[in-house]
Amino acid sequence: IVLLFTDGVTEAMNGRLECFGEARLMAALEASPDQE
């Protein structure tokens, strides 16, 4: 799997001004890599 993304994905902020970040993005990608 190859995931390309802009900084807007990892810098997306919640109401507490926390960034989504690369760690959360990787966790989302790795959660179920064998899914359809």
PDB file of all heavy atoms in Angstrom:
ATOM      1  N   ILE A   1       0.852  -1.186   0.000  1.00  0.00           N
ATOM      2  CA  ILE A   1       0.000   0.000   0.000  1.00  0.00           C
ATOM      3  C   ILE A   1       0.885   1.231   0.000  1.00  0.00           C
ATOM      4  O   ILE A   1       1.869   1.304   0.739  1.00  0.00           O
ATOM      5  CB  ILE A   1      -0.918   0.011   1.238  1.00  0.00           C
ATOM      6  CG1 ILE A   1      -1.875  -1.176   1.177  1.00  0.00           C
ATOM      7  CG2 ILE A   1      -1.679   1.329   1.342  1.00  0.00           C
ATOM      8  CD1 ILE A   1      -2.667  -1.379   2.435  1.00  0.00           C
ATOM      9  N   VAL A   2       0.518   2.210  -0.819  1.00  0.00           N
ATOM     10  CA  VAL A   2       1.223   3.487  -0.878  1.00  0.00           C
ATOM     11  C   VAL A   2       0.201   4.570  -0.542  1.00  0.00           C
ATOM     12  O   VAL A   2      -0.878   4.616  -1.128  1.00  0.00           O
ATOM     13  CB  VAL A   2       1.819   3.739  -2.279  1.00  0.00           C
ATOM     14  CG1 VAL A   2       2.483   5.110  -2.339  1.00  0.00           C
ATOM     15  CG2 VAL A   2       2.800   2.641  -2.656  1.00  0.00           C
ATOM     16  N   LEU A   3       0.552   5.430   0.406  1.00  0.00           N
ATOM     17  CA  LEU A   3      -0.317   6.547   0.778  1.00  0.00           C
ATOM     18  C   LEU A   3       0.463   7.835   0.592  1.00  0.00           C
ATOM     19  O   LEU A   3       1.509   8.026   1.206  1.00  0.00           O
ATOM     20  CB  LEU A   3      -0.783   6.419   2.227  1.00  0.00           C
ATOM     21  CG  LEU A   3      -1.590   7.587   2.785  1.00  0.00           C
ATOM     22  CD1 LEU A   3      -2.891   7.777   2.007  1.00  0.00           C
ATOM     23  CD2 LEU A   3      -1.884   7.384   4.269  1.00  0.00           C
ATOM     24  N   LEU A   4      -0.031   8.695  -0.281  1.00  0.00           N
ATOM     25  CA  LEU A   4       0.537  10.023  -0.498  1.00  0.00           C
ATOM     26  C   LEU A   4      -0.464  11.024   0.066  1.00  0.00           C
ATOM     27  O   LEU A   4      -1.667  10.862  -0.111  1.00  0.00           O
ATOM     28  CB  LEU A   4       0.751  10.279  -1.992  1.00  0.00           C
ATOM     29  CG  LEU A   4       1.546   9.218  -2.752  1.00  0.00           C
ATOM     30  CD1 LEU A   4       1.464   9.465  -4.252  1.00  0.00           C
ATOM     31  CD2 LEU A   4       2.979   9.177  -2.289  1.00  0.00           C
ATOM     32  N   PHE A   5       0.033  12.053   0.743  1.00  0.00           N
ATOM     33  CA  PHE A   5      -0.886  12.999   1.361  1.00  0.00           C
ATOM     34  C   PHE A   5      -0.241  14.371   1.477  1.00  0.00           C
ATOM     35  O   PHE A   5       0.976  14.501   1.514  1.00  0.00           O
ATOM     36  CB  PHE A   5      -1.326  12.507   2.749  1.00  0.00           C
ATOM     37  CG  PHE A   5      -0.175  12.222   3.683  1.00  0.00           C
ATOM     38  CD1 PHE A   5       0.302  13.201   4.542  1.00  0.00           C
ATOM     39  CD2 PHE A   5       0.433  10.982   3.702  1.00  0.00           C
ATOM     40  CE1 PHE A   5       1.358  12.949   5.395  1.00  0.00           C
ATOM     41  CE2 PHE A   5       1.492  10.709   4.551  1.00  0.00           C
ATOM     42  CZ  PHE A   5       1.961  11.705   5.404  1.00  0.00           C
ATOM     43  N   THR A   6      -1.084  15.379   1.541  1.00  0.00           N
ATOM     44  CA  THR A   6      -0.603  16.744   1.763  1.00  0.00           C
ATOM     45  C   THR A   6      -0.510  17.003   3.258  1.00  0.00           C
ATOM     46  O   THR A   6      -1.062  16.258   4.076  1.00  0.00           O
ATOM     47  CB  THR A   6      -1.548  17.780   1.131  1.00  0.00           C
ATOM     48  OG1 THR A   6      -2.843  17.663   1.748  1.00  0.00           O
ATOM     49  CG2 THR A   6      -1.671  17.578  -0.375  1.00  0.00           C
ATOM     50  N   ASP A   7       0.164  18.060   3.611  1.00  0.00           N
ATOM     51  CA  ASP A   7       0.310  18.406   5.027  1.00  0.00           C
ATOM     52  C   ASP A   7      -1.029  18.745   5.677  1.00  0.00           C
ATOM     53  O   ASP A   7      -1.156  18.680   6.893  1.00  0.00           O
ATOM     54  CB  ASP A   7       1.302  19.554   5.219  1.00  0.00           C
ATOM     55  CG  ASP A   7       0.866  20.856   4.555  1.00  0.00           C
ATOM     56  OD1 ASP A   7      -0.062  20.836   3.715  1.00  0.00           O
ATOM     57  OD2 ASP A   7       1.466  21.898   4.861  1.00  0.00           O
ATOM     58  N   GLY A   8      -2.038  19.043   4.876  1.00  0.00           N
ATOM     59  CA  GLY A   8      -3.357  19.330   5.437  1.00  0.00           C
ATOM     60  C   GLY A   8      -3.952  18.137   6.162  1.00  0.00           C
ATOM     61  O   GLY A   8      -4.753  18.293   7.085  1.00  0.00           O
ATOM     62  N   VAL A   9      -3.556  16.923   5.780  1.00  0.00           N
ATOM     63  CA  VAL A   9      -4.064  15.719   6.437  1.00  0.00           C
ATOM     64  C   VAL A   9      -3.445  15.600   7.830  1.00  0.00           C
ATOM     65  O   VAL A   9      -4.142  15.472   8.827  1.00  0.00           O
ATOM     66  CB  VAL A   9      -3.780  14.454   5.596  1.00  0.00           C
ATOM     67  CG1 VAL A   9      -4.163  13.199   6.355  1.00  0.00           C
ATOM     68  CG2 VAL A   9      -4.522  14.533   4.269  1.00  0.00           C
ATOM     69  N   THR A  10      -2.128  15.640   7.904  1.00  0.00           N
ATOM     70  CA  THR A  10      -1.464  15.464   9.206  1.00  0.00           C
ATOM     71  C   THR A  10      -1.598  16.695  10.097  1.00  0.00           C
ATOM     72  O   THR A  10      -1.499  16.581  11.313  1.00  0.00           O
ATOM     73  CB  THR A  10       0.026  15.127   9.013  1.00  0.00           C
ATOM     74  OG1 THR A  10       0.633  16.099   8.167  1.00  0.00           O
ATOM     75  CG2 THR A  10       0.178  13.744   8.396  1.00  0.00           C
ATOM     76  N   GLU A  11      -1.848  17.855   9.501  1.00  0.00           N
ATOM     77  CA  GLU A  11      -2.009  19.075  10.288  1.00  0.00           C
ATOM     78  C   GLU A  11      -3.474  19.427  10.537  1.00  0.00           C
ATOM     79  O   GLU A  11      -3.766  20.504  11.076  1.00  0.00           O
ATOM     80  CB  GLU A  11      -1.288  20.232   9.601  1.00  0.00           C
ATOM     81  CG  GLU A  11       0.218  20.037   9.573  1.00  0.00           C
ATOM     82  CD  GLU A  11       0.966  21.101   8.791  1.00  0.00           C
ATOM     83  OE1 GLU A  11       0.329  22.049   8.284  1.00  0.00           O
ATOM     84  OE2 GLU A  11       2.197  20.972   8.686  1.00  0.00           O
ATOM     85  N   ALA A  12      -4.388  18.521  10.198  1.00  0.00           N
ATOM     86  CA  ALA A  12      -5.808  18.742  10.495  1.00  0.00           C
ATOM     87  C   ALA A  12      -5.959  18.819  12.011  1.00  0.00           C
ATOM     88  O   ALA A  12      -5.419  17.990  12.744  1.00  0.00           O
ATOM     89  CB  ALA A  12      -6.645  17.607   9.927  1.00  0.00           C
ATOM     90  N   MET A  13      -6.665  19.844  12.487  1.00  0.00           N
ATOM     91  CA  MET A  13      -6.757  20.085  13.929  1.00  0.00           C
ATOM     92  C   MET A  13      -8.138  19.819  14.475  1.00  0.00           C
ATOM     93  O   MET A  13      -9.143  20.044  13.815  1.00  0.00           O
ATOM     94  CB  MET A  13      -6.385  21.530  14.245  1.00  0.00           C
ATOM     95  CG  MET A  13      -4.939  21.844  14.071  1.00  0.00           C
ATOM     96  SD  MET A  13      -4.612  23.498  14.694  1.00  0.00           S
ATOM     97  CE  MET A  13      -3.408  24.041  13.512  1.00  0.00           C
ATOM     98  N   ASN A  14      -8.151  19.367  15.719  1.00  0.00           N
ATOM     99  CA  ASN A  14      -9.416  19.200  16.428  1.00  0.00           C
ATOM    100  C   ASN A  14      -9.718  20.490  17.203  1.00  0.00           C
ATOM    101  O   ASN A  14      -8.983  21.480  17.080  1.00  0.00           O
ATOM    102  CB  ASN A  14      -9.376  17.966  17.343  1.00  0.00           C
ATOM    103  CG  ASN A  14      -8.321  18.063  18.430  1.00  0.00           C
ATOM    104  OD1 ASN A  14      -7.798  19.131  18.738  1.00  0.00           O
ATOM    105  ND2 ASN A  14      -7.997  16.929  19.022  1.00  0.00           N
ATOM    106  N   GLY A  15     -10.772  20.483  17.993  1.00  0.00           N
ATOM    107  CA  GLY A  15     -11.179  21.661  18.752  1.00  0.00           C
ATOM    108  C   GLY A  15     -10.173  22.103  19.805  1.00  0.00           C
ATOM    109  O   GLY A  15     -10.195  23.250  20.255  1.00  0.00           O
ATOM    110  N   ARG A  16      -9.251  21.209  20.204  1.00  0.00           N
ATOM    111  CA  ARG A  16      -8.211  21.557  21.192  1.00  0.00           C
ATOM    112  C   ARG A  16      -6.922  21.989  20.512  1.00  0.00           C
ATOM    113  O   ARG A  16      -5.883  22.099  21.157  1.00  0.00           O
ATOM    114  CB  ARG A  16      -7.952  20.365  22.107  1.00  0.00           C
ATOM    115  CG  ARG A  16      -9.173  19.983  22.948  1.00  0.00           C
ATOM    116  CD  ARG A  16      -8.839  18.823  23.861  1.00  0.00           C
ATOM    117  NE  ARG A  16      -8.396  17.665  23.092  1.00  0.00           N
ATOM    118  CZ  ARG A  16      -9.120  16.570  22.879  1.00  0.00           C
ATOM    119  NH1 ARG A  16     -10.316  16.459  23.405  1.00  0.00           N
ATOM    120  NH2 ARG A  16      -8.642  15.574  22.169  1.00  0.00           N
ATOM    121  N   LEU A  17      -6.990  22.215  19.198  1.00  0.00           N
ATOM    122  CA  LEU A  17      -5.859  22.638  18.373  1.00  0.00           C
ATOM    123  C   LEU A  17      -4.728  21.612  18.340  1.00  0.00           C
ATOM    124  O   LEU A  17      -3.565  21.956  18.188  1.00  0.00           O
ATOM    125  CB  LEU A  17      -5.330  24.011  18.814  1.00  0.00           C
ATOM    126  CG  LEU A  17      -6.343  25.153  18.780  1.00  0.00           C
ATOM    127  CD1 LEU A  17      -5.707  26.447  19.242  1.00  0.00           C
ATOM    128  CD2 LEU A  17      -6.934  25.308  17.384  1.00  0.00           C
ATOM    129  N   GLU A  18      -5.087  20.323  18.474  1.00  0.00           N
ATOM    130  CA  GLU A  18      -4.122  19.243  18.336  1.00  0.00           C
ATOM    131  C   GLU A  18      -4.138  18.788  16.881  1.00  0.00           C
ATOM    132  O   GLU A  18      -5.203  18.709  16.265  1.00  0.00           O
ATOM    133  CB  GLU A  18      -4.500  18.059  19.225  1.00  0.00           C
ATOM    134  CG  GLU A  18      -4.526  18.383  20.694  1.00  0.00           C
ATOM    135  CD  GLU A  18      -5.180  17.278  21.505  1.00  0.00           C
ATOM    136  OE1 GLU A  18      -6.177  16.684  21.049  1.00  0.00           O
ATOM    137  OE2 GLU A  18      -4.669  17.021  22.613  1.00  0.00           O
ATOM    138  N   CYS A  19      -2.977  18.460  16.338  1.00  0.00           N
ATOM    139  CA  CYS A  19      -2.878  17.975  14.964  1.00  0.00           C
ATOM    140  C   CYS A  19      -3.127  16.475  14.904  1.00  0.00           C
ATOM    141  O   CYS A  19      -2.755  15.734  15.815  1.00  0.00           O
ATOM    142  CB  CYS A  19      -1.495  18.276  14.389  1.00  0.00           C
ATOM    143  SG  CYS A  19      -1.232  20.013  14.037  1.00  0.00           S
ATOM    144  N   PHE A  20      -3.738  16.032  13.803  1.00  0.00           N
ATOM    145  CA  PHE A  20      -3.962  14.607  13.580  1.00  0.00           C
ATOM    146  C   PHE A  20      -2.629  13.865  13.582  1.00  0.00           C
ATOM    147  O   PHE A  20      -2.494  12.831  14.223  1.00  0.00           O
ATOM    148  CB  PHE A  20      -4.710  14.408  12.255  1.00  0.00           C
ATOM    149  CG  PHE A  20      -5.166  13.013  12.001  1.00  0.00           C
ATOM    150  CD1 PHE A  20      -6.125  12.427  12.804  1.00  0.00           C
ATOM    151  CD2 PHE A  20      -4.653  12.284  10.943  1.00  0.00           C
ATOM    152  CE1 PHE A  20      -6.567  11.121  12.569  1.00  0.00           C
ATOM    153  CE2 PHE A  20      -5.087  10.992  10.687  1.00  0.00           C
ATOM    154  CZ  PHE A  20      -6.044  10.411  11.507  1.00  0.00           C
ATOM    155  N   GLY A  21      -1.646  14.361  12.883  1.00  0.00           N
ATOM    156  CA  GLY A  21      -0.287  13.851  12.925  1.00  0.00           C
ATOM    157  C   GLY A  21      -0.053  12.571  12.135  1.00  0.00           C
ATOM    158  O   GLY A  21      -0.976  11.862  11.757  1.00  0.00           O
ATOM    159  N   GLU A  22       1.221  12.295  11.912  1.00  0.00           N
ATOM    160  CA  GLU A  22       1.614  11.109  11.152  1.00  0.00           C
ATOM    161  C   GLU A  22       1.335   9.821  11.922  1.00  0.00           C
ATOM    162  O   GLU A  22       0.988   8.806  11.319  1.00  0.00           O
ATOM    163  CB  GLU A  22       3.085  11.192  10.772  1.00  0.00           C
ATOM    164  CG  GLU A  22       3.368  12.236   9.720  1.00  0.00           C
ATOM    165  CD  GLU A  22       4.827  12.304   9.310  1.00  0.00           C
ATOM    166  OE1 GLU A  22       5.577  11.340   9.564  1.00  0.00           O
ATOM    167  OE2 GLU A  22       5.207  13.331   8.727  1.00  0.00           O
ATOM    168  N   ALA A  23       1.490   9.832  13.238  1.00  0.00           N
ATOM    169  CA  ALA A  23       1.267   8.617  14.030  1.00  0.00           C
ATOM    170  C   ALA A  23      -0.189   8.160  13.930  1.00  0.00           C
ATOM    171  O   ALA A  23      -0.454   6.967  13.754  1.00  0.00           O
ATOM    172  CB  ALA A  23       1.655   8.849  15.483  1.00  0.00           C
ATOM    173  N   ARG A  24      -1.140   9.086  14.011  1.00  0.00           N
ATOM    174  CA  ARG A  24      -2.555   8.722  13.889  1.00  0.00           C
ATOM    175  C   ARG A  24      -2.880   8.263  12.473  1.00  0.00           C
ATOM    176  O   ARG A  24      -3.662   7.338  12.269  1.00  0.00           O
ATOM    177  CB  ARG A  24      -3.453   9.889  14.290  1.00  0.00           C
ATOM    178  CG  ARG A  24      -3.511  10.144  15.776  1.00  0.00           C
ATOM    179  CD  ARG A  24      -4.545  11.238  16.108  1.00  0.00           C
ATOM    180  NE  ARG A  24      -4.564  11.515  17.520  1.00  0.00           N
ATOM    181  CZ  ARG A  24      -3.814  12.446  18.119  1.00  0.00           C
ATOM    182  NH1 ARG A  24      -2.983  13.189  17.409  1.00  0.00           N
ATOM    183  NH2 ARG A  24      -3.884  12.641  19.420  1.00  0.00           N
ATOM    184  N   LEU A  25      -2.267   8.909  11.491  1.00  0.00           N
ATOM    185  CA  LEU A  25      -2.491   8.516  10.103  1.00  0.00           C
ATOM    186  C   LEU A  25      -1.969   7.099   9.874  1.00  0.00           C
ATOM    187  O   LEU A  25      -2.651   6.268   9.271  1.00  0.00           O
ATOM    188  CB  LEU A  25      -1.821   9.505   9.144  1.00  0.00           C
ATOM    189  CG  LEU A  25      -1.990   9.235   7.667  1.00  0.00           C
ATOM    190  CD1 LEU A  25      -3.464   9.169   7.271  1.00  0.00           C
ATOM    191  CD2 LEU A  25      -1.260  10.290   6.848  1.00  0.00           C
ATOM    192  N   MET A  26      -0.784   6.795  10.368  1.00  0.00           N
ATOM    193  CA  MET A  26      -0.227   5.443  10.223  1.00  0.00           C
ATOM    194  C   MET A  26      -1.088   4.421  10.961  1.00  0.00           C
ATOM    195  O   MET A  26      -1.315   3.320  10.459  1.00  0.00           O
ATOM    196  CB  MET A  26       1.207   5.393  10.737  1.00  0.00           C
ATOM    197  CG  MET A  26       2.207   6.040   9.799  1.00  0.00           C
ATOM    198  SD  MET A  26       2.220   5.330   8.142  1.00  0.00           S
ATOM    199  CE  MET A  26       2.645   3.645   8.482  1.00  0.00           C
ATOM    200  N   ALA A  27      -1.560   4.777  12.152  1.00  0.00           N
ATOM    201  CA  ALA A  27      -2.419   3.861  12.906  1.00  0.00           C
ATOM    202  C   ALA A  27      -3.704   3.572  12.132  1.00  0.00           C
ATOM    203  O   ALA A  27      -4.173   2.432  12.103  1.00  0.00           O
ATOM    204  CB  ALA A  27      -2.737   4.440  14.284  1.00  0.00           C
ATOM    205  N   ALA A  28      -4.259   4.589  11.492  1.00  0.00           N
ATOM    206  CA  ALA A  28      -5.475   4.400  10.691  1.00  0.00           C
ATOM    207  C   ALA A  28      -5.194   3.498   9.494  1.00  0.00           C
ATOM    208  O   ALA A  28      -6.000   2.626   9.159  1.00  0.00           O
ATOM    209  CB  ALA A  28      -6.007   5.755  10.220  1.00  0.00           C
ATOM    210  N   LEU A  29      -4.051   3.669   8.877  1.00  0.00           N
ATOM    211  CA  LEU A  29      -3.688   2.851   7.723  1.00  0.00           C
ATOM    212  C   LEU A  29      -3.404   1.414   8.135  1.00  0.00           C
ATOM    213  O   LEU A  29      -3.804   0.474   7.458  1.00  0.00           O
ATOM    214  CB  LEU A  29      -2.462   3.446   7.034  1.00  0.00           C
ATOM    215  CG  LEU A  29      -1.952   2.746   5.785  1.00  0.00           C
ATOM    216  CD1 LEU A  29      -3.016   2.747   4.698  1.00  0.00           C
ATOM    217  CD2 LEU A  29      -0.693   3.424   5.283  1.00  0.00           C
ATOM    218  N   GLU A  30      -2.746   1.230   9.256  1.00  0.00           N
ATOM    219  CA  GLU A  30      -2.352  -0.101   9.704  1.00  0.00           C
ATOM    220  C   GLU A  30      -3.458  -0.845  10.453  1.00  0.00           C
ATOM    221  O   GLU A  30      -3.326  -2.036  10.721  1.00  0.00           O
ATOM    222  CB  GLU A  30      -1.119  -0.001  10.597  1.00  0.00           C
ATOM    223  CG  GLU A  30       0.117   0.459   9.833  1.00  0.00           C
ATOM    224  CD  GLU A  30       1.304   0.732  10.732  1.00  0.00           C
ATOM    225  OE1 GLU A  30       1.121   0.863  11.966  1.00  0.00           O
ATOM    226  OE2 GLU A  30       2.422   0.822  10.205  1.00  0.00           O
ATOM    227  N   ALA A  31      -4.549  -0.174  10.765  1.00  0.00           N
ATOM    228  CA  ALA A  31      -5.624  -0.788  11.554  1.00  0.00           C
ATOM    229  C   ALA A  31      -6.153  -2.055  10.896  1.00  0.00           C
ATOM    230  O   ALA A  31      -6.371  -3.056  11.575  1.00  0.00           O
ATOM    231  CB  ALA A  31      -6.755   0.209  11.781  1.00  0.00           C
ATOM    232  N   SER A  32      -6.362  -2.026   9.616  1.00  0.00           N
ATOM    233  CA  SER A  32      -6.898  -3.189   8.896  1.00  0.00           C
ATOM    234  C   SER A  32      -6.374  -3.201   7.466  1.00  0.00           C
ATOM    235  O   SER A  32      -7.129  -2.994   6.523  1.00  0.00           O
ATOM    236  CB  SER A  32      -8.424  -3.142   8.894  1.00  0.00           C
ATOM    237  OG  SER A  32      -8.920  -3.151  10.197  1.00  0.00           O
ATOM    238  N   PRO A  33      -5.083  -3.439   7.279  1.00  0.00           N
ATOM    239  CA  PRO A  33      -4.518  -3.359   5.929  1.00  0.00           C
ATOM    240  C   PRO A  33      -5.070  -4.392   4.958  1.00  0.00           C
ATOM    241  O   PRO A  33      -4.974  -4.218   3.754  1.00  0.00           O
ATOM    242  CB  PRO A  33      -3.021  -3.567   6.159  1.00  0.00           C
ATOM    243  CG  PRO A  33      -2.943  -4.317   7.438  1.00  0.00           C
ATOM    244  CD  PRO A  33      -4.116  -3.852   8.261  1.00  0.00           C
ATOM    245  N   ASP A  34      -5.670  -5.468   5.465  1.00  0.00           N
ATOM    246  CA  ASP A  34      -6.206  -6.507   4.586  1.00  0.00           C
ATOM    247  C   ASP A  34      -7.662  -6.262   4.201  1.00  0.00           C
ATOM    248  O   ASP A  34      -8.261  -7.082   3.517  1.00  0.00           O
ATOM    249  CB  ASP A  34      -6.070  -7.879   5.257  1.00  0.00           C
ATOM    250  CG  ASP A  34      -4.609  -8.246   5.454  1.00  0.00           C
ATOM    251  OD1 ASP A  34      -3.774  -7.825   4.627  1.00  0.00           O
ATOM    252  OD2 ASP A  34      -4.303  -8.928   6.442  1.00  0.00           O
ATOM    253  N   GLN A  35      -8.225  -5.151   4.651  1.00  0.00           N
ATOM    254  CA  GLN A  35      -9.607  -4.822   4.305  1.00  0.00           C
ATOM    255  C   GLN A  35      -9.743  -4.625   2.798  1.00  0.00           C
ATOM    256  O   GLN A  35      -8.771  -4.328   2.107  1.00  0.00           O
ATOM    257  CB  GLN A  35     -10.038  -3.516   4.974  1.00  0.00           C
ATOM    258  CG  GLN A  35     -10.419  -3.635   6.401  1.00  0.00           C
ATOM    259  CD  GLN A  35     -10.931  -2.303   6.926  1.00  0.00           C
ATOM    260  OE1 GLN A  35     -10.640  -1.242   6.403  1.00  0.00           O
ATOM    261  NE2 GLN A  35     -11.689  -2.364   7.998  1.00  0.00           N
ATOM    262  N   GLU A  36     -10.963  -4.734   2.315  1.00  0.00           N
ATOM    263  CA  GLU A  36     -11.268  -4.360   0.937  1.00  0.00           C
ATOM    264  C   GLU A  36     -10.825  -2.913   0.773  1.00  0.00           C
ATOM    265  O   GLU A  36     -10.919  -2.104   1.694  1.00  0.00           O
ATOM    266  CB  GLU A  36     -12.780  -4.534   0.710  1.00  0.00           C
ATOM    267  CG  GLU A  36     -13.223  -4.342  -0.713  1.00  0.00           C
ATOM    268  CD  GLU A  36     -13.555  -2.905  -1.054  1.00  0.00           C
ATOM    269  OE1 GLU A  36     -14.064  -2.150  -0.206  1.00  0.00           O
ATOM    270  OE2 GLU A  36     -13.286  -2.526  -2.206  1.00  0.00           O
TER     271      GLU A  36
END
